[in-house]
Amino acid sequence: MSAIAKQTWSDFVTVTAVWAGLVFVLMFYHKKVGMPSEWMPQVVFGSFVLVAILAPIGSLLWRRVIRST
């Protein structure tokens, strides 16, 4: 595995872990935020799709920005 692929995977795992932590907190505080319980599956699965798509793209773009400077 190349260094770029390893770093992208590492960034993806890190972002996914942060996302999971936020989802865990949201499980307990969604009522205080004003979100109905029925919305939780859509929020969890919809936001994970965004994380799964945007994390690798963001990681690769970030590598380009760092390398270009």
N, C-alpha and C. Protein backbone atom coordinates (compact mmCIF):
# COMPACT_ATOMS: atom_id res chain seq x y z
N MET A 1 0.85 -1.17 0.00
CA MET A 1 0.00 0.00 0.00
C MET A 1 0.90 1.24 0.00
N SER A 2 0.58 2.19 -0.83
CA SER A 2 1.41 3.39 -0.91
C SER A 2 1.21 4.27 0.32
N ALA A 3 2.11 5.19 0.50
CA ALA A 3 2.05 6.09 1.66
C ALA A 3 0.81 6.97 1.61
N ILE A 4 0.45 7.41 0.41
CA ILE A 4 -0.74 8.26 0.27
C ILE A 4 -2.00 7.46 0.64
N ALA A 5 -2.07 6.22 0.19
CA ALA A 5 -3.24 5.40 0.51
C ALA A 5 -3.31 5.11 2.00
N LYS A 6 -2.17 4.86 2.64
CA LYS A 6 -2.17 4.62 4.08
C LYS A 6 -2.62 5.85 4.84
N GLN A 7 -2.14 7.01 4.44
CA GLN A 7 -2.52 8.25 5.13
C GLN A 7 -3.98 8.57 4.90
N THR A 8 -4.47 8.35 3.69
CA THR A 8 -5.89 8.59 3.39
C THR A 8 -6.75 7.66 4.23
N TRP A 9 -6.36 6.39 4.34
CA TRP A 9 -7.11 5.44 5.16
C TRP A 9 -7.09 5.87 6.62
N SER A 10 -5.93 6.30 7.11
CA SER A 10 -5.81 6.75 8.49
C SER A 10 -6.70 7.97 8.75
N ASP A 11 -6.72 8.90 7.82
CA ASP A 11 -7.59 10.07 7.95
C ASP A 11 -9.06 9.67 7.95
N PHE A 12 -9.41 8.71 7.08
CA PHE A 12 -10.79 8.22 7.03
C PHE A 12 -11.20 7.59 8.35
N VAL A 13 -10.33 6.78 8.92
CA VAL A 13 -10.64 6.13 10.20
C VAL A 13 -10.79 7.17 11.31
N THR A 14 -9.94 8.18 11.30
CA THR A 14 -10.02 9.23 12.30
C THR A 14 -11.32 10.01 12.18
N VAL A 15 -11.68 10.40 10.97
CA VAL A 15 -12.92 11.14 10.76
C VAL A 15 -14.13 10.29 11.13
N THR A 16 -14.09 9.01 10.81
CA THR A 16 -15.19 8.11 11.16
C THR A 16 -15.31 7.97 12.67
N ALA A 17 -14.20 7.92 13.38
CA ALA A 17 -14.23 7.82 14.84
C ALA A 17 -14.83 9.08 15.45
N VAL A 18 -14.46 10.24 14.93
CA VAL A 18 -15.04 11.50 15.42
C VAL A 18 -16.53 11.53 15.12
N TRP A 19 -16.92 11.10 13.93
CA TRP A 19 -18.34 11.05 13.56
C TRP A 19 -19.10 10.12 14.52
N ALA A 20 -18.53 8.95 14.82
CA ALA A 20 -19.19 8.01 15.72
C ALA A 20 -19.35 8.60 17.12
N GLY A 21 -18.36 9.33 17.58
CA GLY A 21 -18.47 9.99 18.88
C GLY A 21 -19.58 11.03 18.89
N LEU A 22 -19.68 11.80 17.82
CA LEU A 22 -20.74 12.80 17.74
C LEU A 22 -22.12 12.15 17.67
N VAL A 23 -22.23 11.05 16.95
CA VAL A 23 -23.50 10.32 16.89
C VAL A 23 -23.87 9.79 18.27
N PHE A 24 -22.88 9.28 19.00
CA PHE A 24 -23.12 8.76 20.34
C PHE A 24 -23.65 9.86 21.26
N VAL A 25 -23.03 11.04 21.20
CA VAL A 25 -23.49 12.16 22.01
C VAL A 25 -24.89 12.58 21.57
N LEU A 26 -25.13 12.61 20.27
CA LEU A 26 -26.43 13.01 19.76
C LEU A 26 -27.54 12.05 20.20
N MET A 27 -27.20 10.79 20.39
CA MET A 27 -28.18 9.81 20.86
C MET A 27 -28.78 10.25 22.20
N PHE A 28 -27.98 10.85 23.04
CA PHE A 28 -28.45 11.24 24.36
C PHE A 28 -29.05 12.64 24.40
N TYR A 29 -28.66 13.50 23.49
CA TYR A 29 -29.09 14.90 23.55
C TYR A 29 -29.99 15.33 22.40
N HIS A 30 -30.49 14.40 21.60
CA HIS A 30 -31.29 14.80 20.45
C HIS A 30 -32.59 15.48 20.87
N LYS A 31 -33.16 15.13 22.00
CA LYS A 31 -34.38 15.79 22.47
C LYS A 31 -34.10 17.22 22.89
N LYS A 32 -32.96 17.46 23.55
CA LYS A 32 -32.62 18.82 23.98
C LYS A 32 -32.33 19.72 22.79
N VAL A 33 -31.86 19.14 21.70
CA VAL A 33 -31.58 19.90 20.49
C VAL A 33 -32.89 20.18 19.74
N GLY A 34 -33.91 19.39 20.04
CA GLY A 34 -35.20 19.57 19.39
C GLY A 34 -35.42 18.66 18.21
N MET A 35 -34.67 17.56 18.16
CA MET A 35 -34.79 16.64 17.03
C MET A 35 -35.63 15.43 17.47
N PRO A 36 -36.67 15.12 16.71
CA PRO A 36 -37.48 13.94 17.05
C PRO A 36 -36.68 12.64 16.89
N SER A 37 -37.04 11.65 17.68
CA SER A 37 -36.35 10.35 17.64
C SER A 37 -36.45 9.70 16.27
N GLU A 38 -37.53 9.96 15.56
CA GLU A 38 -37.73 9.35 14.25
C GLU A 38 -36.69 9.80 13.23
N TRP A 39 -36.04 10.91 13.47
CA TRP A 39 -35.05 11.43 12.53
C TRP A 39 -33.67 10.79 12.70
N MET A 40 -33.45 10.12 13.82
CA MET A 40 -32.11 9.59 14.11
C MET A 40 -31.57 8.65 13.02
N PRO A 41 -32.34 7.68 12.51
CA PRO A 41 -31.77 6.82 11.47
C PRO A 41 -31.34 7.59 10.22
N GLN A 42 -32.15 8.56 9.81
CA GLN A 42 -31.80 9.34 8.63
C GLN A 42 -30.55 10.18 8.88
N VAL A 43 -30.45 10.74 10.06
CA VAL A 43 -29.29 11.56 10.40
C VAL A 43 -28.03 10.70 10.45
N VAL A 44 -28.13 9.54 11.10
CA VAL A 44 -26.96 8.67 11.26
C VAL A 44 -26.49 8.15 9.91
N PHE A 45 -27.39 7.53 9.15
CA PHE A 45 -26.97 6.92 7.89
C PHE A 45 -26.66 7.97 6.82
N GLY A 46 -27.42 9.04 6.79
CA GLY A 46 -27.15 10.09 5.82
C GLY A 46 -25.83 10.79 6.08
N SER A 47 -25.55 11.06 7.34
CA SER A 47 -24.28 11.73 7.65
C SER A 47 -23.10 10.78 7.43
N PHE A 48 -23.29 9.47 7.64
CA PHE A 48 -22.18 8.55 7.38
C PHE A 48 -21.86 8.49 5.90
N VAL A 49 -22.87 8.55 5.06
CA VAL A 49 -22.61 8.57 3.61
C VAL A 49 -21.77 9.79 3.26
N LEU A 50 -22.11 10.94 3.84
CA LEU A 50 -21.32 12.14 3.59
C LEU A 50 -19.89 12.00 4.10
N VAL A 51 -19.74 11.43 5.28
CA VAL A 51 -18.40 11.22 5.83
C VAL A 51 -17.60 10.28 4.95
N ALA A 52 -18.24 9.20 4.51
CA ALA A 52 -17.54 8.19 3.70
C ALA A 52 -17.11 8.76 2.35
N ILE A 53 -17.86 9.70 1.83
CA ILE A 53 -17.51 10.29 0.53
C ILE A 53 -16.53 11.44 0.70
N LEU A 54 -16.80 12.32 1.65
CA LEU A 54 -16.01 13.54 1.77
C LEU A 54 -14.67 13.36 2.50
N ALA A 55 -14.56 12.40 3.40
CA ALA A 55 -13.30 12.23 4.14
C ALA A 55 -12.12 11.88 3.23
N PRO A 56 -12.24 10.90 2.35
CA PRO A 56 -11.09 10.62 1.47
C PRO A 56 -10.80 11.77 0.50
N ILE A 57 -11.85 12.40 -0.01
CA ILE A 57 -11.65 13.53 -0.93
C ILE A 57 -10.95 14.66 -0.20
N GLY A 58 -11.41 14.98 1.00
CA GLY A 58 -10.78 16.03 1.80
C GLY A 58 -9.34 15.70 2.15
N SER A 59 -9.09 14.44 2.47
CA SER A 59 -7.73 14.03 2.80
C SER A 59 -6.80 14.20 1.61
N LEU A 60 -7.24 13.77 0.45
CA LEU A 60 -6.40 13.90 -0.75
C LEU A 60 -6.20 15.36 -1.13
N LEU A 61 -7.24 16.16 -1.03
CA LEU A 61 -7.09 17.59 -1.33
C LEU A 61 -6.16 18.26 -0.33
N TRP A 62 -6.26 17.89 0.94
CA TRP A 62 -5.40 18.46 1.96
C TRP A 62 -3.94 18.11 1.67
N ARG A 63 -3.67 16.90 1.22
CA ARG A 63 -2.31 16.51 0.86
C ARG A 63 -1.78 17.37 -0.28
N ARG A 64 -2.65 17.68 -1.25
CA ARG A 64 -2.23 18.55 -2.36
C ARG A 64 -1.88 19.93 -1.88
N VAL A 65 -2.70 20.47 -0.96
CA VAL A 65 -2.46 21.82 -0.45
C VAL A 65 -1.14 21.86 0.33
N ILE A 66 -0.90 20.85 1.15
CA ILE A 66 0.33 20.81 1.94
C ILE A 66 1.55 20.66 1.02
N ARG A 67 1.43 19.79 0.02
CA ARG A 67 2.57 19.56 -0.87
C ARG A 67 2.90 20.77 -1.73
N SER A 68 1.86 21.52 -2.11
CA SER A 68 2.10 22.65 -3.01
C SER A 68 2.79 23.82 -2.29
N THR A 69 2.74 23.85 -0.97
CA THR A 69 3.37 24.97 -0.25
C THR A 69 4.77 24.62 0.18
